[in-house]
Every structure is written in C-alpha cells, then in structure tokens.
Amino acid sequence: QLQLVESGGGLVQPGGSLRLSCAASGFTFDYSAIAWFRQAPGKEREGVSCISSADGHTTYAESVKGRFTISRDNAKKTVYLEMNTLKSEDTAVYYCAAPPLGYYCSDHILTDDFPSWGQGTQVTVSS
C-alpha cells in the first residue's frame, strides 16, 4: 500500500530555514516523481516543487524559486524540501504527493495529476 509521510514542519521566524521530509513506502519509489504542495488557510492547494525520477529534473513555483530546493535520496526512499529565507506567506500545510508512474515534472504542478497524498505537515513563519 502506497504511503507518504511528511515531517519537519514547525514554527520559524521570518528569514529562517526548515527542511521537510517525505518518506515513501509501498511503491516503486525509484521510478516515481514526487511533488510538494502547500495549502494556506482559505486558499487553494498549490504546487510548490517537483522532482522527476530518472534524471532528477526539478521544477519550482515562481514564488519559491531561489529559496526552496527539492532533492531525493532513493536509498532512503525520501524526498526533501529545503526551505530558506522563509516569509510569512510561506505559512501553510505542506503535503507531498506522488503521480502515476511515467510522470515527468513540468512547470505546472497540478493537484489533479497527483492521486496519492501524505497527511501534511504545518509550517508557520512568524515572529
């Protein structure tokens, strides 16, 4: 059974950093892209970043480019999201998600393309 478990969220001051982890099990992780999404209160869920499987191709939302870095460790079946220079507008519940096999990350990270989701981890950026 496919399972995605996020961790690493918390409270951080503006300008600070956090690293989120997404631990995967129950599917062929090495051949699967993984994406991070976030949802702030009262807003729609939005794609943040995506990493493909074969070549490690990465994509980012414009709002996080240059501040967030996605990476993967296939041996640990884990995807990470390193978040730097955090802003109050980064406050949200962050989710990782897996698409069907064969998906290749594009600039458009759409919720409809990802049928499998973790439970989310809260990130709060506040002084």
N, C-alpha and C. Protein backbone atom coordinates (compact mmCIF):
# COMPACT_ATOMS: atom_id res chain seq x y z
N GLN A 1 0.84 -1.19 0.00
CA GLN A 1 0.00 0.00 0.00
C GLN A 1 0.88 1.25 0.00
N LEU A 2 0.61 2.14 -0.94
CA LEU A 2 1.39 3.37 -1.06
C LEU A 2 1.17 4.25 0.16
N GLN A 3 2.27 4.74 0.71
CA GLN A 3 2.18 5.62 1.86
C GLN A 3 3.22 6.72 1.74
N LEU A 4 2.81 7.94 2.06
CA LEU A 4 3.70 9.10 2.09
C LEU A 4 3.55 9.77 3.44
N VAL A 5 4.66 10.01 4.11
CA VAL A 5 4.62 10.60 5.44
C VAL A 5 5.54 11.80 5.49
N GLU A 6 4.95 12.97 5.73
CA GLU A 6 5.72 14.20 5.82
C GLU A 6 6.17 14.45 7.26
N SER A 7 7.29 15.12 7.40
CA SER A 7 7.78 15.54 8.71
C SER A 7 8.68 16.76 8.54
N GLY A 8 8.98 17.41 9.66
CA GLY A 8 9.92 18.52 9.63
C GLY A 8 9.30 19.90 9.74
N GLY A 9 7.98 19.97 9.77
CA GLY A 9 7.33 21.27 9.91
C GLY A 9 7.52 21.85 11.30
N GLY A 10 7.12 23.11 11.45
CA GLY A 10 7.24 23.75 12.75
C GLY A 10 7.08 25.25 12.65
N LEU A 11 7.45 25.91 13.73
CA LEU A 11 7.39 27.37 13.80
C LEU A 11 8.78 27.93 13.59
N VAL A 12 8.90 28.89 12.69
CA VAL A 12 10.20 29.50 12.39
C VAL A 12 10.00 30.99 12.18
N GLN A 13 11.00 31.76 12.49
CA GLN A 13 10.93 33.20 12.30
C GLN A 13 11.15 33.57 10.84
N PRO A 14 10.64 34.70 10.41
CA PRO A 14 10.92 35.16 9.05
C PRO A 14 12.42 35.22 8.81
N GLY A 15 12.82 34.76 7.62
CA GLY A 15 14.23 34.68 7.27
C GLY A 15 14.90 33.38 7.67
N GLY A 16 14.19 32.56 8.42
CA GLY A 16 14.74 31.29 8.87
C GLY A 16 14.61 30.18 7.84
N SER A 17 14.99 28.98 8.27
CA SER A 17 15.02 27.83 7.37
C SER A 17 14.36 26.62 8.03
N LEU A 18 13.85 25.73 7.19
CA LEU A 18 13.32 24.44 7.61
C LEU A 18 13.60 23.44 6.51
N ARG A 19 13.72 22.18 6.90
CA ARG A 19 13.81 21.11 5.91
C ARG A 19 12.69 20.12 6.16
N LEU A 20 11.85 19.95 5.15
CA LEU A 20 10.78 18.97 5.21
C LEU A 20 11.24 17.66 4.59
N SER A 21 10.70 16.57 5.12
CA SER A 21 10.99 15.24 4.58
C SER A 21 9.69 14.55 4.20
N CYS A 22 9.77 13.76 3.16
CA CYS A 22 8.63 12.95 2.71
C CYS A 22 9.14 11.52 2.56
N ALA A 23 8.75 10.67 3.49
CA ALA A 23 9.18 9.27 3.47
C ALA A 23 8.13 8.44 2.75
N ALA A 24 8.57 7.65 1.77
CA ALA A 24 7.67 6.90 0.92
C ALA A 24 7.81 5.40 1.16
N SER A 25 6.73 4.69 0.96
CA SER A 25 6.75 3.24 1.05
C SER A 25 5.59 2.68 0.24
N GLY A 26 5.73 1.39 -0.10
CA GLY A 26 4.61 0.71 -0.74
C GLY A 26 4.50 0.88 -2.24
N PHE A 27 5.52 1.48 -2.88
CA PHE A 27 5.50 1.59 -4.33
C PHE A 27 6.94 1.73 -4.82
N THR A 28 7.09 1.71 -6.15
CA THR A 28 8.43 1.76 -6.76
C THR A 28 8.93 3.20 -6.74
N PHE A 29 9.49 3.58 -5.62
CA PHE A 29 9.88 4.97 -5.41
C PHE A 29 10.89 5.45 -6.44
N ASP A 30 11.85 4.58 -6.79
CA ASP A 30 12.93 5.00 -7.69
C ASP A 30 12.40 5.49 -9.03
N TYR A 31 11.24 5.01 -9.45
CA TYR A 31 10.71 5.34 -10.76
C TYR A 31 9.57 6.36 -10.69
N SER A 32 9.39 6.94 -9.53
CA SER A 32 8.27 7.86 -9.34
C SER A 32 8.74 9.28 -9.09
N ALA A 33 8.12 10.24 -9.80
CA ALA A 33 8.30 11.64 -9.43
C ALA A 33 7.57 11.89 -8.10
N ILE A 34 8.00 12.93 -7.41
CA ILE A 34 7.34 13.34 -6.18
C ILE A 34 7.23 14.87 -6.20
N ALA A 35 6.14 15.38 -5.70
CA ALA A 35 5.95 16.83 -5.65
C ALA A 35 5.57 17.27 -4.24
N TRP A 36 5.86 18.53 -3.97
CA TRP A 36 5.40 19.19 -2.75
C TRP A 36 4.33 20.22 -3.12
N PHE A 37 3.29 20.23 -2.32
CA PHE A 37 2.23 21.21 -2.44
C PHE A 37 2.08 21.92 -1.09
N ARG A 38 1.34 23.01 -1.09
CA ARG A 38 1.01 23.66 0.18
C ARG A 38 -0.37 24.27 0.09
N GLN A 39 -0.98 24.39 1.26
CA GLN A 39 -2.31 24.99 1.33
C GLN A 39 -2.39 25.90 2.55
N ALA A 40 -2.57 27.18 2.29
CA ALA A 40 -2.74 28.16 3.36
C ALA A 40 -4.22 28.28 3.69
N PRO A 41 -4.55 28.73 4.89
CA PRO A 41 -5.95 28.86 5.27
C PRO A 41 -6.72 29.74 4.28
N GLY A 42 -7.86 29.23 3.82
CA GLY A 42 -8.69 29.99 2.91
C GLY A 42 -8.21 30.04 1.48
N LYS A 43 -7.15 29.31 1.18
CA LYS A 43 -6.60 29.33 -0.19
C LYS A 43 -6.60 27.93 -0.78
N GLU A 44 -6.50 27.89 -2.10
CA GLU A 44 -6.42 26.61 -2.78
C GLU A 44 -5.04 26.00 -2.62
N ARG A 45 -5.00 24.67 -2.69
CA ARG A 45 -3.72 23.98 -2.64
C ARG A 45 -2.93 24.32 -3.90
N GLU A 46 -1.64 24.61 -3.73
CA GLU A 46 -0.81 24.99 -4.87
C GLU A 46 0.46 24.15 -4.92
N GLY A 47 0.91 23.90 -6.14
CA GLY A 47 2.16 23.17 -6.32
C GLY A 47 3.34 24.04 -5.99
N VAL A 48 4.29 23.48 -5.26
CA VAL A 48 5.48 24.20 -4.84
C VAL A 48 6.72 23.75 -5.61
N SER A 49 6.91 22.44 -5.69
CA SER A 49 8.11 21.93 -6.35
C SER A 49 7.88 20.47 -6.72
N CYS A 50 8.64 20.02 -7.72
CA CYS A 50 8.51 18.65 -8.20
C CYS A 50 9.88 18.13 -8.60
N ILE A 51 10.11 16.84 -8.35
CA ILE A 51 11.36 16.22 -8.78
C ILE A 51 11.04 14.95 -9.52
N SER A 52 11.58 14.82 -10.72
CA SER A 52 11.36 13.64 -11.53
C SER A 52 12.24 12.50 -11.04
N SER A 53 12.01 11.30 -11.58
CA SER A 53 12.71 10.12 -11.10
C SER A 53 14.03 9.88 -11.82
N ALA A 54 13.99 9.65 -13.12
CA ALA A 54 15.15 9.17 -13.84
C ALA A 54 16.33 10.16 -13.81
N ASP A 55 16.08 11.39 -14.15
CA ASP A 55 17.18 12.36 -14.27
C ASP A 55 17.19 13.40 -13.17
N GLY A 56 16.28 13.31 -12.22
CA GLY A 56 16.25 14.26 -11.12
C GLY A 56 15.86 15.67 -11.52
N HIS A 57 15.21 15.79 -12.68
CA HIS A 57 14.75 17.10 -13.14
C HIS A 57 13.83 17.74 -12.10
N THR A 58 14.05 19.03 -11.82
CA THR A 58 13.27 19.71 -10.79
C THR A 58 12.56 20.93 -11.35
N THR A 59 11.41 21.22 -10.78
CA THR A 59 10.67 22.43 -11.14
C THR A 59 10.17 23.11 -9.86
N TYR A 60 9.95 24.41 -9.94
CA TYR A 60 9.55 25.19 -8.79
C TYR A 60 8.49 26.22 -9.16
N ALA A 61 7.62 26.52 -8.22
CA ALA A 61 6.72 27.65 -8.37
C ALA A 61 7.55 28.93 -8.33
N GLU A 62 7.10 29.93 -9.05
CA GLU A 62 7.84 31.20 -9.11
C GLU A 62 8.03 31.80 -7.72
N SER A 63 7.07 31.60 -6.86
CA SER A 63 7.11 32.23 -5.53
C SER A 63 8.21 31.66 -4.63
N VAL A 64 8.76 30.49 -4.99
CA VAL A 64 9.77 29.87 -4.13
C VAL A 64 11.11 29.69 -4.83
N LYS A 65 11.20 30.03 -6.10
CA LYS A 65 12.45 29.87 -6.83
C LYS A 65 13.57 30.67 -6.16
N GLY A 66 14.71 30.01 -6.02
CA GLY A 66 15.85 30.65 -5.39
C GLY A 66 15.87 30.54 -3.89
N ARG A 67 14.75 30.10 -3.29
CA ARG A 67 14.68 29.95 -1.83
C ARG A 67 14.50 28.50 -1.41
N PHE A 68 13.77 27.73 -2.19
CA PHE A 68 13.48 26.33 -1.86
C PHE A 68 14.29 25.41 -2.79
N THR A 69 14.69 24.28 -2.25
CA THR A 69 15.41 23.27 -3.03
C THR A 69 14.83 21.90 -2.74
N ILE A 70 14.43 21.20 -3.79
CA ILE A 70 13.91 19.84 -3.65
C ILE A 70 15.02 18.86 -4.00
N SER A 71 15.06 17.75 -3.29
CA SER A 71 16.06 16.72 -3.58
C SER A 71 15.47 15.37 -3.17
N ARG A 72 16.15 14.30 -3.59
CA ARG A 72 15.67 12.97 -3.26
C ARG A 72 16.83 12.06 -2.93
N ASP A 73 16.58 11.11 -2.06
CA ASP A 73 17.54 10.06 -1.71
C ASP A 73 16.83 8.74 -1.96
N ASN A 74 17.12 8.11 -3.09
CA ASN A 74 16.40 6.89 -3.45
C ASN A 74 16.72 5.75 -2.48
N ALA A 75 17.91 5.72 -1.93
CA ALA A 75 18.26 4.66 -0.98
C ALA A 75 17.38 4.74 0.27
N LYS A 76 17.04 5.96 0.66
CA LYS A 76 16.20 6.16 1.85
C LYS A 76 14.73 6.32 1.49
N LYS A 77 14.42 6.30 0.19
CA LYS A 77 13.04 6.48 -0.28
C LYS A 77 12.44 7.75 0.34
N THR A 78 13.19 8.82 0.25
CA THR A 78 12.79 10.07 0.88
C THR A 78 13.05 11.25 -0.06
N VAL A 79 12.11 12.16 -0.08
CA VAL A 79 12.27 13.42 -0.80
C VAL A 79 12.30 14.55 0.23
N TYR A 80 13.17 15.51 -0.01
CA TYR A 80 13.34 16.62 0.92
C TYR A 80 12.95 17.94 0.26
N LEU A 81 12.53 18.88 1.07
CA LEU A 81 12.30 20.25 0.62
C LEU A 81 13.02 21.18 1.58
N GLU A 82 14.14 21.70 1.13
CA GLU A 82 14.91 22.65 1.93
C GLU A 82 14.34 24.04 1.67
N MET A 83 13.90 24.70 2.73
CA MET A 83 13.24 26.00 2.61
C MET A 83 14.07 27.04 3.34
N ASN A 84 14.56 28.02 2.60
CA ASN A 84 15.38 29.09 3.16
C ASN A 84 14.70 30.44 2.97
N THR A 85 15.18 31.41 3.71
CA THR A 85 14.65 32.79 3.63
C THR A 85 13.13 32.76 3.67
N LEU A 86 12.61 32.08 4.67
CA LEU A 86 11.16 31.90 4.77
C LEU A 86 10.45 33.22 5.05
N LYS A 87 9.26 33.33 4.48
CA LYS A 87 8.43 34.52 4.62
C LYS A 87 7.10 34.14 5.27
N SER A 88 6.40 35.12 5.78
CA SER A 88 5.11 34.83 6.41
C SER A 88 4.14 34.19 5.43
N GLU A 89 4.27 34.56 4.16
CA GLU A 89 3.37 33.99 3.15
C GLU A 89 3.68 32.55 2.81
N ASP A 90 4.75 32.00 3.36
CA ASP A 90 5.04 30.57 3.20
C ASP A 90 4.28 29.73 4.22
N THR A 91 3.62 30.38 5.15
CA THR A 91 2.84 29.64 6.16
C THR A 91 1.73 28.84 5.50
N ALA A 92 1.71 27.55 5.76
CA ALA A 92 0.75 26.65 5.13
C ALA A 92 0.95 25.23 5.66
N VAL A 93 0.01 24.38 5.33
CA VAL A 93 0.24 22.94 5.50
C VAL A 93 0.90 22.46 4.22
N TYR A 94 2.02 21.76 4.38
CA TYR A 94 2.78 21.26 3.24
C TYR A 94 2.53 19.76 3.08
N TYR A 95 2.24 19.37 1.84
CA TYR A 95 1.94 17.98 1.51
C TYR A 95 2.92 17.48 0.45
N CYS A 96 3.29 16.21 0.55
CA CYS A 96 3.97 15.59 -0.59
C CYS A 96 2.97 14.67 -1.29
N ALA A 97 3.21 14.46 -2.58
CA ALA A 97 2.27 13.70 -3.38
C ALA A 97 3.00 12.95 -4.48
N ALA A 98 2.42 11.83 -4.88
CA ALA A 98 3.01 11.01 -5.93
C ALA A 98 2.06 10.90 -7.11
N PRO A 99 2.59 11.04 -8.32
CA PRO A 99 1.78 10.91 -9.53
C PRO A 99 1.84 9.46 -10.03
N PRO A 100 1.13 9.13 -11.08
CA PRO A 100 1.28 7.81 -11.70
C PRO A 100 2.69 7.64 -12.26
N LEU A 101 3.14 6.39 -12.41
CA LEU A 101 4.46 6.14 -12.98
C LEU A 101 4.54 6.73 -14.39
N GLY A 102 5.71 7.25 -14.73
CA GLY A 102 5.92 7.83 -16.03
C GLY A 102 5.74 9.33 -16.08
N TYR A 103 5.24 9.90 -14.99
CA TYR A 103 5.04 11.35 -14.94
C TYR A 103 6.40 12.05 -14.93
N TYR A 104 6.49 13.13 -15.71
CA TYR A 104 7.71 13.93 -15.76
C TYR A 104 7.36 15.35 -15.33
N CYS A 105 8.07 15.85 -14.36
CA CYS A 105 7.73 17.17 -13.78
C CYS A 105 7.79 18.27 -14.83
N SER A 106 6.80 19.16 -14.76
CA SER A 106 6.77 20.34 -15.61
C SER A 106 6.61 21.57 -14.72
N ASP A 107 6.59 22.73 -15.36
CA ASP A 107 6.43 23.97 -14.59
C ASP A 107 5.04 24.07 -13.96
N HIS A 108 4.10 23.31 -14.49
CA HIS A 108 2.73 23.34 -14.00
C HIS A 108 2.51 22.14 -13.08
N ILE A 109 2.58 22.37 -11.79
CA ILE A 109 2.44 21.30 -10.80
C ILE A 109 1.00 21.33 -10.33
N LEU A 110 0.20 20.42 -10.88
CA LEU A 110 -1.25 20.47 -10.70
C LEU A 110 -1.73 19.36 -9.78
N THR A 111 -2.61 19.71 -8.85
CA THR A 111 -3.12 18.71 -7.91
C THR A 111 -3.81 17.54 -8.61
N ASP A 112 -4.47 17.81 -9.72
CA ASP A 112 -5.21 16.75 -10.42
C ASP A 112 -4.29 15.66 -10.97
N ASP A 113 -3.02 15.94 -11.13
CA ASP A 113 -2.08 14.97 -11.67
C ASP A 113 -1.53 14.02 -10.59
N PHE A 114 -1.91 14.27 -9.34
CA PHE A 114 -1.31 13.53 -8.22
C PHE A 114 -2.41 12.84 -7.40
N PRO A 115 -2.59 11.55 -7.57
CA PRO A 115 -3.66 10.85 -6.86
C PRO A 115 -3.31 10.41 -5.43
N SER A 116 -2.03 10.42 -5.09
CA SER A 116 -1.61 9.88 -3.79
C SER A 116 -0.98 10.99 -2.95
N TRP A 117 -1.43 11.10 -1.70
CA TRP A 117 -1.04 12.23 -0.85
C TRP A 117 -0.66 11.78 0.55
N GLY A 118 0.23 12.54 1.17
CA GLY A 118 0.50 12.38 2.58
C GLY A 118 -0.50 13.18 3.41
N GLN A 119 -0.28 13.15 4.71
CA GLN A 119 -1.23 13.79 5.62
C GLN A 119 -0.93 15.26 5.86
N GLY A 120 0.27 15.69 5.50
CA GLY A 120 0.64 17.09 5.62
C GLY A 120 1.41 17.42 6.89
N THR A 121 2.19 18.49 6.83
CA THR A 121 2.92 18.99 7.99
C THR A 121 2.81 20.51 8.00
N GLN A 122 2.54 21.06 9.17
CA GLN A 122 2.30 22.50 9.29
C GLN A 122 3.62 23.27 9.34
N VAL A 123 3.70 24.32 8.54
CA VAL A 123 4.82 25.25 8.59
C VAL A 123 4.25 26.63 8.92
N THR A 124 4.74 27.22 9.98
CA THR A 124 4.30 28.54 10.39
C THR A 124 5.50 29.47 10.46
N VAL A 125 5.43 30.55 9.71
CA VAL A 125 6.51 31.54 9.69
C VAL A 125 5.99 32.79 10.38
N SER A 126 6.52 33.04 11.55
CA SER A 126 6.02 34.16 12.35
C SER A 126 7.06 34.59 13.36
N SER A 127 7.06 35.87 13.67
CA SER A 127 7.96 36.38 14.70
C SER A 127 7.25 36.41 16.05
